Amino acid sequence: ATVTTPAEGAGWPLVVLCHGFTGSRGGDGHFGPLAARLAHAGIASIAMDFPGCGESEEPFTAYTLTNIRADMTAAIAYMGVTYGADTTRLGLVGHSMGGRAVSVYLKDSIKAAALWAPADNTGLDGLEFLDHSAEGRQAIYDGAMQNGVLDLPKWGVTISADFVQQVADQDPTASLRTYNGPLLLAYTAGDAELLSQTTIDLTRQAAAEHSGPLVDLTGQYEDATHN
């Protein structure tokens, strides 16, 4: 993990930075500058390598949504105990699959959240970044369930049946609708590389229905890629 804190003081608010599928705590080069800006504003942050990613020593088969959630919880506790961060003033940032992880983590105690191209579709459609066709997603599911793991040559990783099943069982938009804190959301045209318009529409609608303030930056960065 990378921890960034303000130069002075203590008891800072805390932001947890969550990368996407096969990403790393660098957030495609974006999390470092963001952490520096947060620190300048008096906010601490932690960005971690999720299982099997970056410098993690676990196999990628440990990359499951329950393990990601456990890592987020552990990172928050670590920052409170080790650095004295104020974990009651907590913000979350998530990109792509990390955005999905943030979406399902949301609860009233989270003071603010930013979702950067979250992969928030439901059921097997949540696997659309691996295959754009319903038949392909079903084949991924069937293969993983049959063998316990599934190789993804395009991505250079092996996923577990647990990961596939957990994605299929989740509804991230349900968490979005019940969240009452400030929310930032952004999609761009480049997200079509991995995400469908259905995902974007579902997520934006859920965000619009949530009871807290919303800043939706979708459409303002049309020349950007997914990353």
C-alpha atoms as a PDB file:
ATOM      1  CA  ALA A   1       0.000   0.000   0.000  1.00  0.00           C
ATOM      2  CA  THR A   2       0.981   3.634  -0.454  1.00  0.00           C
ATOM      3  CA  VAL A   3       0.125   5.999   2.396  1.00  0.00           C
ATOM      4  CA  THR A   4       0.128   9.756   1.871  1.00  0.00           C
ATOM      5  CA  THR A   5      -0.456  12.146   4.761  1.00  0.00           C
ATOM      6  CA  PRO A   6      -0.386  15.912   5.222  1.00  0.00           C
ATOM      7  CA  ALA A   7       2.955  17.279   6.392  1.00  0.00           C
ATOM      8  CA  GLU A   8       1.550  18.535   9.661  1.00  0.00           C
ATOM      9  CA  GLY A   9      -1.193  17.876  12.145  1.00  0.00           C
ATOM     10  CA  ALA A  10      -3.064  14.701  13.007  1.00  0.00           C
ATOM     11  CA  GLY A  11      -6.564  13.314  13.031  1.00  0.00           C
ATOM     12  CA  TRP A  12      -6.937  13.957   9.310  1.00  0.00           C
ATOM     13  CA  PRO A  13      -9.910  12.782   7.265  1.00  0.00           C
ATOM     14  CA  LEU A  14      -9.116   9.681   5.223  1.00  0.00           C
ATOM     15  CA  VAL A  15      -9.678   8.678   1.596  1.00  0.00           C
ATOM     16  CA  VAL A  16      -9.266   5.089   0.353  1.00  0.00           C
ATOM     17  CA  LEU A  17      -8.231   4.800  -3.323  1.00  0.00           C
ATOM     18  CA  CYS A  18      -9.402   1.614  -5.084  1.00  0.00           C
ATOM     19  CA  HIS A  19      -7.984   0.520  -8.441  1.00  0.00           C
ATOM     20  CA  GLY A  20      -9.625  -1.553 -11.159  1.00  0.00           C
ATOM     21  CA  PHE A  21      -9.342  -5.118 -12.466  1.00  0.00           C
ATOM     22  CA  THR A  22      -5.645  -6.115 -12.931  1.00  0.00           C
ATOM     23  CA  GLY A  23      -4.669  -2.545 -11.973  1.00  0.00           C
ATOM     24  CA  SER A  24      -2.492  -1.413  -9.105  1.00  0.00           C
ATOM     25  CA  ARG A  25      -2.311   1.150  -6.343  1.00  0.00           C
ATOM     26  CA  GLY A  26      -0.854   3.644  -8.822  1.00  0.00           C
ATOM     27  CA  GLY A  27      -4.285   3.950 -10.414  1.00  0.00           C
ATOM     28  CA  ASP A  28      -2.836   4.170 -13.942  1.00  0.00           C
ATOM     29  CA  GLY A  29      -0.679   7.066 -12.785  1.00  0.00           C
ATOM     30  CA  HIS A  30      -3.601   9.073 -11.393  1.00  0.00           C
ATOM     31  CA  PHE A  31      -3.686   8.121  -7.713  1.00  0.00           C
ATOM     32  CA  GLY A  32      -0.284   9.612  -6.849  1.00  0.00           C
ATOM     33  CA  PRO A  33      -1.152  13.147  -7.985  1.00  0.00           C
ATOM     34  CA  LEU A  34      -4.601  12.825  -6.411  1.00  0.00           C
ATOM     35  CA  ALA A  35      -3.082  11.721  -3.087  1.00  0.00           C
ATOM     36  CA  ALA A  36      -0.723  14.720  -3.182  1.00  0.00           C
ATOM     37  CA  ARG A  37      -3.625  17.110  -3.767  1.00  0.00           C
ATOM     38  CA  LEU A  38      -5.595  15.511  -0.942  1.00  0.00           C
ATOM     39  CA  ALA A  39      -2.617  15.848   1.406  1.00  0.00           C
ATOM     40  CA  HIS A  40      -2.269  19.517   0.463  1.00  0.00           C
ATOM     41  CA  ALA A  41      -5.925  19.907   1.478  1.00  0.00           C
ATOM     42  CA  GLY A  42      -5.269  18.240   4.848  1.00  0.00           C
ATOM     43  CA  ILE A  43      -6.599  14.790   3.921  1.00  0.00           C
ATOM     44  CA  ALA A  44      -4.728  11.483   4.325  1.00  0.00           C
ATOM     45  CA  SER A  45      -5.078   8.657   1.835  1.00  0.00           C
ATOM     46  CA  ILE A  46      -4.188   5.028   1.316  1.00  0.00           C
ATOM     47  CA  ALA A  47      -4.011   3.182  -2.000  1.00  0.00           C
ATOM     48  CA  MET A  48      -3.512  -0.578  -1.876  1.00  0.00           C
ATOM     49  CA  ASP A  49      -2.729  -3.348  -4.328  1.00  0.00           C
ATOM     50  CA  PHE A  50      -5.697  -5.688  -4.240  1.00  0.00           C
ATOM     51  CA  PRO A  51      -5.027  -9.473  -4.248  1.00  0.00           C
ATOM     52  CA  GLY A  52      -2.911 -10.588  -7.192  1.00  0.00           C
ATOM     53  CA  CYS A  53      -2.361  -7.019  -8.410  1.00  0.00           C
ATOM     54  CA  GLY A  54       0.698  -4.786  -8.386  1.00  0.00           C
ATOM     55  CA  GLU A  55       3.117  -5.963  -5.711  1.00  0.00           C
ATOM     56  CA  SER A  56       0.587  -8.193  -3.954  1.00  0.00           C
ATOM     57  CA  GLU A  57       2.103 -11.569  -3.110  1.00  0.00           C
ATOM     58  CA  GLU A  58      -1.231 -13.354  -3.377  1.00  0.00           C
ATOM     59  CA  PRO A  59      -2.313 -15.202  -6.536  1.00  0.00           C
ATOM     60  CA  PHE A  60      -4.881 -13.496  -8.731  1.00  0.00           C
ATOM     61  CA  THR A  61      -7.352 -16.232  -7.828  1.00  0.00           C
ATOM     62  CA  ALA A  62      -7.568 -14.434  -4.464  1.00  0.00           C
ATOM     63  CA  TYR A  63      -8.960 -11.402  -6.308  1.00  0.00           C
ATOM     64  CA  THR A  64     -12.565 -11.661  -5.142  1.00  0.00           C
ATOM     65  CA  LEU A  65     -15.041  -9.002  -4.142  1.00  0.00           C
ATOM     66  CA  THR A  66     -15.160 -10.248  -0.555  1.00  0.00           C
ATOM     67  CA  ASN A  67     -11.352 -10.072  -0.292  1.00  0.00           C
ATOM     68  CA  ILE A  68     -11.325  -6.578  -1.797  1.00  0.00           C
ATOM     69  CA  ARG A  69     -13.888  -5.477   0.759  1.00  0.00           C
ATOM     70  CA  ALA A  70     -11.851  -7.045   3.564  1.00  0.00           C
ATOM     71  CA  ASP A  71      -8.728  -5.220   2.331  1.00  0.00           C
ATOM     72  CA  MET A  72     -10.590  -1.914   2.305  1.00  0.00           C
ATOM     73  CA  THR A  73     -11.793  -2.476   5.859  1.00  0.00           C
ATOM     74  CA  ALA A  74      -8.311  -3.498   7.011  1.00  0.00           C
ATOM     75  CA  ALA A  75      -6.729  -0.455   5.351  1.00  0.00           C
ATOM     76  CA  ILE A  76      -9.161   1.879   7.105  1.00  0.00           C
ATOM     77  CA  ALA A  77      -8.435   0.299  10.483  1.00  0.00           C
ATOM     78  CA  TYR A  78      -4.677   0.399   9.799  1.00  0.00           C
ATOM     79  CA  MET A  79      -4.772   4.104   9.004  1.00  0.00           C
ATOM     80  CA  GLY A  80      -6.632   4.824  12.208  1.00  0.00           C
ATOM     81  CA  VAL A  81      -4.331   2.788  14.451  1.00  0.00           C
ATOM     82  CA  THR A  82      -0.977   3.496  12.790  1.00  0.00           C
ATOM     83  CA  TYR A  83      -1.361   7.069  11.545  1.00  0.00           C
ATOM     84  CA  GLY A  84      -4.147   8.425  13.712  1.00  0.00           C
ATOM     85  CA  ALA A  85      -6.402   9.222  10.764  1.00  0.00           C
ATOM     86  CA  ASP A  86      -9.986  10.057  11.643  1.00  0.00           C
ATOM     87  CA  THR A  87     -11.821   7.051  10.216  1.00  0.00           C
ATOM     88  CA  THR A  88     -15.179   8.609  11.064  1.00  0.00           C
ATOM     89  CA  ARG A  89     -14.473  11.146   8.285  1.00  0.00           C
ATOM     90  CA  LEU A  90     -14.015   8.678   5.457  1.00  0.00           C
ATOM     91  CA  GLY A  91     -14.146   9.095   1.688  1.00  0.00           C
ATOM     92  CA  LEU A  92     -13.818   6.459  -1.037  1.00  0.00           C
ATOM     93  CA  VAL A  93     -12.562   6.672  -4.621  1.00  0.00           C
ATOM     94  CA  GLY A  94     -12.965   3.751  -7.014  1.00  0.00           C
ATOM     95  CA  HIS A  95     -12.084   3.164 -10.673  1.00  0.00           C
ATOM     96  CA  SER A  96     -13.856   0.543 -12.807  1.00  0.00           C
ATOM     97  CA  MET A  97     -14.035  -2.660 -10.722  1.00  0.00           C
ATOM     98  CA  GLY A  98     -12.740  -0.556  -7.830  1.00  0.00           C
ATOM     99  CA  GLY A  99     -15.740   1.687  -8.446  1.00  0.00           C
ATOM    100  CA  ARG A 100     -17.954  -1.350  -8.110  1.00  0.00           C
ATOM    101  CA  ALA A 101     -16.202  -2.214  -4.831  1.00  0.00           C
ATOM    102  CA  VAL A 102     -16.835   1.313  -3.565  1.00  0.00           C
ATOM    103  CA  SER A 103     -20.470   1.198  -4.675  1.00  0.00           C
ATOM    104  CA  VAL A 104     -21.251  -1.916  -2.634  1.00  0.00           C
ATOM    105  CA  TYR A 105     -19.242  -0.574   0.351  1.00  0.00           C
ATOM    106  CA  LEU A 106     -21.320   2.585   0.620  1.00  0.00           C
ATOM    107  CA  LYS A 107     -23.127   3.207   3.882  1.00  0.00           C
ATOM    108  CA  ASP A 108     -24.267   6.254   5.790  1.00  0.00           C
ATOM    109  CA  SER A 109     -20.948   6.545   7.652  1.00  0.00           C
ATOM    110  CA  ILE A 110     -19.082   7.191   4.363  1.00  0.00           C
ATOM    111  CA  LYS A 111     -18.825  10.994   4.123  1.00  0.00           C
ATOM    112  CA  ALA A 112     -18.232  11.180   0.356  1.00  0.00           C
ATOM    113  CA  ALA A 113     -17.539   8.908  -2.605  1.00  0.00           C
ATOM    114  CA  ALA A 114     -16.175   9.303  -6.128  1.00  0.00           C
ATOM    115  CA  LEU A 115     -16.951   6.697  -8.799  1.00  0.00           C
ATOM    116  CA  TRP A 116     -14.711   6.762 -11.857  1.00  0.00           C
ATOM    117  CA  ALA A 117     -16.234   4.622 -14.635  1.00  0.00           C
ATOM    118  CA  PRO A 118     -17.640   2.075 -12.161  1.00  0.00           C
ATOM    119  CA  ALA A 119     -18.392  -1.409 -13.530  1.00  0.00           C
ATOM    120  CA  ASP A 120     -21.752  -1.464 -11.789  1.00  0.00           C
ATOM    121  CA  ASN A 121     -23.999  -3.681 -13.894  1.00  0.00           C
ATOM    122  CA  THR A 122     -25.838  -6.570 -12.234  1.00  0.00           C
ATOM    123  CA  GLY A 123     -25.817 -10.343 -12.647  1.00  0.00           C
ATOM    124  CA  LEU A 124     -23.591 -11.798 -15.343  1.00  0.00           C
ATOM    125  CA  ASP A 125     -23.747  -8.433 -17.113  1.00  0.00           C
ATOM    126  CA  GLY A 126     -21.287  -7.316 -14.440  1.00  0.00           C
ATOM    127  CA  LEU A 127     -18.716  -9.392 -16.366  1.00  0.00           C
ATOM    128  CA  GLU A 128     -19.195  -7.406 -19.573  1.00  0.00           C
ATOM    129  CA  PHE A 129     -15.669  -5.975 -19.359  1.00  0.00           C
ATOM    130  CA  LEU A 130     -14.450  -9.543 -19.966  1.00  0.00           C
ATOM    131  CA  ASP A 131     -16.872 -10.283 -22.821  1.00  0.00           C
ATOM    132  CA  HIS A 132     -19.382  -7.997 -24.530  1.00  0.00           C
ATOM    133  CA  SER A 133     -21.752 -10.840 -25.492  1.00  0.00           C
ATOM    134  CA  ALA A 134     -24.258 -12.569 -23.198  1.00  0.00           C
ATOM    135  CA  GLU A 135     -23.124 -15.913 -24.608  1.00  0.00           C
ATOM    136  CA  GLY A 136     -19.505 -15.139 -23.816  1.00  0.00           C
ATOM    137  CA  ARG A 137     -20.326 -14.114 -20.260  1.00  0.00           C
ATOM    138  CA  GLN A 138     -22.312 -17.306 -19.762  1.00  0.00           C
ATOM    139  CA  ALA A 139     -19.361 -19.306 -21.063  1.00  0.00           C
ATOM    140  CA  ILE A 140     -17.079 -17.543 -18.569  1.00  0.00           C
ATOM    141  CA  TYR A 141     -19.488 -18.367 -15.768  1.00  0.00           C
ATOM    142  CA  ASP A 142     -19.913 -22.009 -16.834  1.00  0.00           C
ATOM    143  CA  GLY A 143     -16.191 -22.561 -17.265  1.00  0.00           C
ATOM    144  CA  ALA A 144     -15.335 -21.058 -13.902  1.00  0.00           C
ATOM    145  CA  MET A 145     -18.045 -23.020 -12.108  1.00  0.00           C
ATOM    146  CA  GLN A 146     -16.982 -26.268 -13.736  1.00  0.00           C
ATOM    147  CA  ASN A 147     -13.250 -25.932 -13.071  1.00  0.00           C
ATOM    148  CA  GLY A 148     -13.100 -23.642 -10.029  1.00  0.00           C
ATOM    149  CA  VAL A 149     -10.844 -21.274 -11.972  1.00  0.00           C
ATOM    150  CA  LEU A 150     -10.696 -19.852 -15.490  1.00  0.00           C
ATOM    151  CA  ASP A 151      -7.717 -18.586 -17.477  1.00  0.00           C
ATOM    152  CA  LEU A 152      -8.115 -15.213 -19.203  1.00  0.00           C
ATOM    153  CA  PRO A 153      -5.282 -15.133 -21.773  1.00  0.00           C
ATOM    154  CA  LYS A 154      -6.191 -11.625 -22.960  1.00  0.00           C
ATOM    155  CA  TRP A 155      -5.695 -10.285 -19.447  1.00  0.00           C
ATOM    156  CA  GLY A 156      -2.871 -12.626 -18.453  1.00  0.00           C
ATOM    157  CA  VAL A 157      -4.614 -13.742 -15.250  1.00  0.00           C
ATOM    158  CA  THR A 158      -6.617 -16.649 -13.852  1.00  0.00           C
ATOM    159  CA  ILE A 159      -9.862 -15.801 -12.099  1.00  0.00           C
ATOM    160  CA  SER A 160     -11.663 -17.889  -9.509  1.00  0.00           C
ATOM    161  CA  ALA A 161     -15.209 -19.207  -9.504  1.00  0.00           C
ATOM    162  CA  ASP A 162     -15.721 -17.175  -6.321  1.00  0.00           C
ATOM    163  CA  PHE A 163     -15.016 -13.940  -8.182  1.00  0.00           C
ATOM    164  CA  VAL A 164     -17.421 -14.818 -10.988  1.00  0.00           C
ATOM    165  CA  GLN A 165     -20.187 -15.888  -8.608  1.00  0.00           C
ATOM    166  CA  GLN A 166     -19.792 -12.819  -6.407  1.00  0.00           C
ATOM    167  CA  VAL A 167     -20.093 -10.504  -9.410  1.00  0.00           C
ATOM    168  CA  ALA A 168     -23.196 -12.380 -10.550  1.00  0.00           C
ATOM    169  CA  ASP A 169     -24.778 -12.094  -7.105  1.00  0.00           C
ATOM    170  CA  GLN A 170     -24.174  -8.353  -6.606  1.00  0.00           C
ATOM    171  CA  ASP A 171     -26.361  -5.343  -7.365  1.00  0.00           C
ATOM    172  CA  PRO A 172     -24.108  -2.296  -6.877  1.00  0.00           C
ATOM    173  CA  THR A 173     -26.827   0.112  -8.003  1.00  0.00           C
ATOM    174  CA  ALA A 174     -28.971  -0.908  -5.037  1.00  0.00           C
ATOM    175  CA  SER A 175     -26.265   0.390  -2.698  1.00  0.00           C
ATOM    176  CA  LEU A 176     -26.018   3.609  -4.679  1.00  0.00           C
ATOM    177  CA  ARG A 177     -29.730   4.281  -4.342  1.00  0.00           C
ATOM    178  CA  THR A 178     -29.675   3.984  -0.546  1.00  0.00           C
ATOM    179  CA  TYR A 179     -26.527   6.083  -0.005  1.00  0.00           C
ATOM    180  CA  ASN A 180     -27.182   9.550   1.449  1.00  0.00           C
ATOM    181  CA  GLY A 181     -23.768  11.213   1.136  1.00  0.00           C
ATOM    182  CA  PRO A 182     -22.148  13.379  -1.530  1.00  0.00           C
ATOM    183  CA  LEU A 183     -21.398  11.440  -4.711  1.00  0.00           C
ATOM    184  CA  LEU A 184     -19.208  12.186  -7.723  1.00  0.00           C
ATOM    185  CA  LEU A 185     -19.708  10.117 -10.890  1.00  0.00           C
ATOM    186  CA  ALA A 186     -17.869  10.198 -14.204  1.00  0.00           C
ATOM    187  CA  TYR A 187     -18.098   8.179 -17.416  1.00  0.00           C
ATOM    188  CA  THR A 188     -16.606   9.052 -20.785  1.00  0.00           C
ATOM    189  CA  ALA A 189     -16.969   7.830 -24.362  1.00  0.00           C
ATOM    190  CA  GLY A 190     -13.838   5.716 -23.950  1.00  0.00           C
ATOM    191  CA  ASP A 191     -15.593   3.543 -21.401  1.00  0.00           C
ATOM    192  CA  ALA A 192     -17.333   1.803 -24.312  1.00  0.00           C
ATOM    193  CA  GLU A 193     -14.081  -0.178 -24.651  1.00  0.00           C
ATOM    194  CA  LEU A 194     -15.205  -2.210 -21.638  1.00  0.00           C
ATOM    195  CA  LEU A 195     -18.613  -1.050 -20.402  1.00  0.00           C
ATOM    196  CA  SER A 196     -22.000  -0.936 -22.103  1.00  0.00           C
ATOM    197  CA  GLN A 197     -24.314   2.024 -22.382  1.00  0.00           C
ATOM    198  CA  THR A 198     -26.756   0.004 -20.288  1.00  0.00           C
ATOM    199  CA  THR A 199     -24.275  -0.015 -17.414  1.00  0.00           C
ATOM    200  CA  ILE A 200     -23.724   3.720 -17.711  1.00  0.00           C
ATOM    201  CA  ASP A 201     -27.462   4.435 -17.831  1.00  0.00           C
ATOM    202  CA  LEU A 202     -28.258   2.134 -14.884  1.00  0.00           C
ATOM    203  CA  THR A 203     -25.527   3.639 -12.730  1.00  0.00           C
ATOM    204  CA  ARG A 204     -26.365   7.237 -13.566  1.00  0.00           C
ATOM    205  CA  GLN A 205     -30.034   6.617 -12.812  1.00  0.00           C
ATOM    206  CA  ALA A 206     -29.214   5.014  -9.449  1.00  0.00           C
ATOM    207  CA  ALA A 207     -26.901   7.896  -8.590  1.00  0.00           C
ATOM    208  CA  ALA A 208     -29.595  10.405  -9.540  1.00  0.00           C
ATOM    209  CA  GLU A 209     -32.053   8.623  -7.229  1.00  0.00           C
ATOM    210  CA  HIS A 210     -29.746   8.640  -4.201  1.00  0.00           C
ATOM    211  CA  SER A 211     -30.677  11.150  -1.518  1.00  0.00           C
ATOM    212  CA  GLY A 212     -27.392  13.048  -1.251  1.00  0.00           C
ATOM    213  CA  PRO A 213     -25.706  15.683  -3.434  1.00  0.00           C
ATOM    214  CA  LEU A 214     -24.568  14.487  -6.872  1.00  0.00           C
ATOM    215  CA  VAL A 215     -21.978  15.805  -9.303  1.00  0.00           C
ATOM    216  CA  ASP A 216     -22.222  13.859 -12.581  1.00  0.00           C
ATOM    217  CA  LEU A 217     -19.318  14.631 -14.914  1.00  0.00           C
ATOM    218  CA  THR A 218     -20.391  12.106 -17.551  1.00  0.00           C
ATOM    219  CA  GLY A 219     -19.801  13.424 -21.049  1.00  0.00           C
ATOM    220  CA  GLN A 220     -17.281  16.097 -20.091  1.00  0.00           C
ATOM    221  CA  TYR A 221     -14.171  14.067 -21.067  1.00  0.00           C
ATOM    222  CA  GLU A 222     -15.146  12.523 -24.383  1.00  0.00           C
ATOM    223  CA  ASP A 223     -11.576  12.098 -25.619  1.00  0.00           C
ATOM    224  CA  ALA A 224     -10.550  10.032 -22.568  1.00  0.00           C
ATOM    225  CA  THR A 225     -10.033   6.275 -22.495  1.00  0.00           C
ATOM    226  CA  HIS A 226     -11.413   3.999 -19.787  1.00  0.00           C
ATOM    227  CA  ASN A 227      -8.192   4.399 -17.822  1.00  0.00           C
END
